[in-house]
Amino acid sequence: YQRRVRGMSGEVLLSRVERFSAAHRLFLRHLSNEENFKIYNKCSWEHGHGHNYKVEVRVKAKPDEKTGMVMDIAILKKDIQDLIATVDHKFIDKDVPWFATRPSTVENICIFFYEELAKKMPAGVKLNKVKVWETEKNIASYKG
């Protein structure tokens, strides 16, 4: 038995939310501690600080005519969780190579997630947006 979903001509946005905890330090390696403090204030403290991050990943595609799904949400979940494993309970600046030459701002964390997840999208599915909550008040979104 195969059921066909009829009448779906537009694209649908599908989102998945995951969480992770990590430490980081906002600083630029070519500047002194004093210069970094002027830019990043207490977030430049040499021992770093941590956050409980929330990440929302949104994909976009036409639903499959047979399944009615944009993509298998279990695959999206696994791809996000595999990437989270590289940052969860880590010191982002020291443990994640992507940040070796970039400050670990919430904006750059967003871009990191987008770039890495975009490589894993199945045919016909576009990564639409990644949104990262560093705190409930500090949020960044990236659409690529």
Protein backbone atom coordinates (compact mmCIF):
# COMPACT_ATOMS: atom_id res chain seq x y z
CA TYR A 1 0.00 0.00 0.00
CA GLN A 2 1.40 3.36 -1.01
CA ARG A 3 -0.43 6.51 -0.09
CA ARG A 4 0.15 9.59 -2.18
CA VAL A 5 -0.25 13.02 -0.66
CA ARG A 6 -2.04 15.23 -3.14
CA GLY A 7 -2.17 18.95 -3.61
CA MET A 8 1.21 19.88 -2.13
CA SER A 9 2.81 22.33 -4.50
CA GLY A 10 4.65 24.65 -2.11
CA GLU A 11 7.65 24.23 0.14
CA VAL A 12 7.38 23.52 3.84
CA LEU A 13 9.69 24.66 6.63
CA LEU A 14 10.64 21.95 9.13
CA SER A 15 12.50 22.79 12.35
CA ARG A 16 14.34 20.78 14.98
CA VAL A 17 15.58 22.18 18.31
CA GLU A 18 18.49 20.76 20.32
CA ARG A 19 20.55 21.99 23.27
CA PHE A 20 24.16 21.88 24.39
CA SER A 21 26.43 23.38 27.04
CA ALA A 22 29.86 24.81 26.32
CA ALA A 23 32.46 27.27 27.52
CA HIS A 24 34.14 29.95 25.46
CA ARG A 25 36.15 33.13 25.67
CA LEU A 26 35.55 36.12 23.45
CA PHE A 27 38.92 37.45 22.40
CA LEU A 28 41.09 38.18 19.41
CA ARG A 29 44.49 36.49 19.63
CA HIS A 30 46.37 39.38 18.03
CA LEU A 31 45.18 41.83 20.72
CA SER A 32 46.26 42.24 24.33
CA ASN A 33 44.02 41.30 27.25
CA GLU A 34 43.34 45.00 27.81
CA GLU A 35 42.33 45.58 24.18
CA ASN A 36 40.08 42.50 24.26
CA PHE A 37 38.45 43.74 27.44
CA LYS A 38 37.59 47.02 25.69
CA ILE A 39 35.81 45.05 22.94
CA TYR A 40 34.28 42.10 24.81
CA ASN A 41 34.23 43.31 28.43
CA LYS A 42 33.90 40.51 31.01
CA CYS A 43 33.33 37.95 28.23
CA SER A 44 37.06 38.21 27.47
CA TRP A 45 38.08 36.86 30.89
CA GLU A 46 41.06 34.56 30.28
CA HIS A 47 39.45 31.53 31.95
CA GLY A 48 36.29 31.83 29.86
CA HIS A 49 32.68 31.35 30.84
CA GLY A 50 29.86 29.02 29.81
CA HIS A 51 26.36 28.96 28.40
CA ASN A 52 23.50 26.53 27.93
CA TYR A 53 22.84 27.00 24.23
CA LYS A 54 19.71 26.22 22.26
CA VAL A 55 19.98 25.58 18.51
CA GLU A 56 17.10 25.61 16.06
CA VAL A 57 17.76 24.18 12.60
CA ARG A 58 15.22 24.87 9.87
CA VAL A 59 15.12 23.07 6.53
CA LYS A 60 12.98 23.80 3.49
CA ALA A 61 11.66 21.58 0.72
CA LYS A 62 8.55 20.30 -0.98
CA PRO A 63 7.11 17.38 0.97
CA ASP A 64 7.70 14.02 -0.63
CA GLU A 65 4.58 12.93 -2.52
CA LYS A 66 4.61 9.46 -0.94
CA THR A 67 5.64 10.17 2.66
CA GLY A 68 4.37 13.72 3.06
CA MET A 69 7.69 14.59 4.74
CA VAL A 70 10.21 17.30 3.91
CA MET A 71 12.87 14.89 5.18
CA ASP A 72 13.20 12.18 7.77
CA ILE A 73 13.30 14.15 11.05
CA ALA A 74 15.31 11.32 12.64
CA ILE A 75 18.12 11.95 10.15
CA LEU A 76 18.00 15.70 10.84
CA LYS A 77 18.08 14.98 14.58
CA LYS A 78 21.10 12.69 14.21
CA ASP A 79 23.01 15.18 12.03
CA ILE A 80 22.42 17.96 14.57
CA GLN A 81 23.32 15.73 17.53
CA ASP A 82 26.50 14.54 15.79
CA LEU A 83 27.57 18.16 15.33
CA ILE A 84 26.58 19.05 18.90
CA ALA A 85 28.87 16.25 20.12
CA THR A 86 31.81 18.30 18.77
CA VAL A 87 30.94 21.31 20.98
CA ASP A 88 28.96 19.94 23.94
CA HIS A 89 30.81 20.33 27.24
CA LYS A 90 33.85 21.63 25.37
CA PHE A 91 35.85 24.84 25.53
CA ILE A 92 34.87 25.99 22.05
CA ASP A 93 37.94 28.14 21.36
CA LYS A 94 40.39 25.41 22.34
CA ASP A 95 38.55 22.21 21.36
CA VAL A 96 36.82 23.04 18.07
CA PRO A 97 39.25 23.60 15.16
CA TRP A 98 36.80 25.83 13.24
CA PHE A 99 37.24 28.45 15.98
CA ALA A 100 41.05 28.43 15.94
CA THR A 101 41.01 31.61 13.84
CA ARG A 102 37.56 33.01 14.70
CA PRO A 103 36.11 34.42 17.91
CA SER A 104 33.39 32.16 19.35
CA THR A 105 30.63 34.76 19.25
CA VAL A 106 27.05 33.54 19.06
CA GLU A 107 27.07 34.84 15.47
CA ASN A 108 30.03 32.63 14.55
CA ILE A 109 28.56 29.64 16.37
CA CYS A 110 25.48 30.10 14.16
CA ILE A 111 27.61 30.21 11.01
CA PHE A 112 29.56 27.13 12.15
CA PHE A 113 26.37 25.12 12.60
CA TYR A 114 25.01 26.32 9.25
CA GLU A 115 28.15 25.52 7.28
CA GLU A 116 28.58 22.08 8.80
CA LEU A 117 24.92 21.06 8.51
CA ALA A 118 24.53 22.40 4.96
CA LYS A 119 27.00 19.69 3.85
CA LYS A 120 24.66 16.99 5.13
CA MET A 121 21.37 18.00 3.53
CA PRO A 122 19.75 15.33 1.37
CA ALA A 123 19.00 16.02 -2.28
CA GLY A 124 16.10 18.42 -2.71
CA VAL A 125 16.34 19.78 0.85
CA LYS A 126 17.84 23.20 1.60
CA LEU A 127 19.10 24.30 4.97
CA ASN A 128 16.99 27.42 5.44
CA LYS A 129 18.19 28.89 8.73
CA VAL A 130 20.09 28.19 11.92
CA LYS A 131 19.20 30.10 15.07
CA VAL A 132 21.29 29.93 18.27
CA TRP A 133 20.28 31.16 21.71
CA GLU A 134 23.33 31.93 23.82
CA THR A 135 21.00 33.19 26.54
CA GLU A 136 17.28 33.84 26.43
CA LYS A 137 18.12 37.43 25.44
CA ASN A 138 21.17 36.91 23.14
CA ILE A 139 20.14 35.20 19.90
CA ALA A 140 21.67 34.98 16.44
CA SER A 141 20.20 33.69 13.17
CA TYR A 142 21.99 32.80 9.94
CA LYS A 143 20.54 31.99 6.55
CA GLY A 144 23.73 31.41 4.57
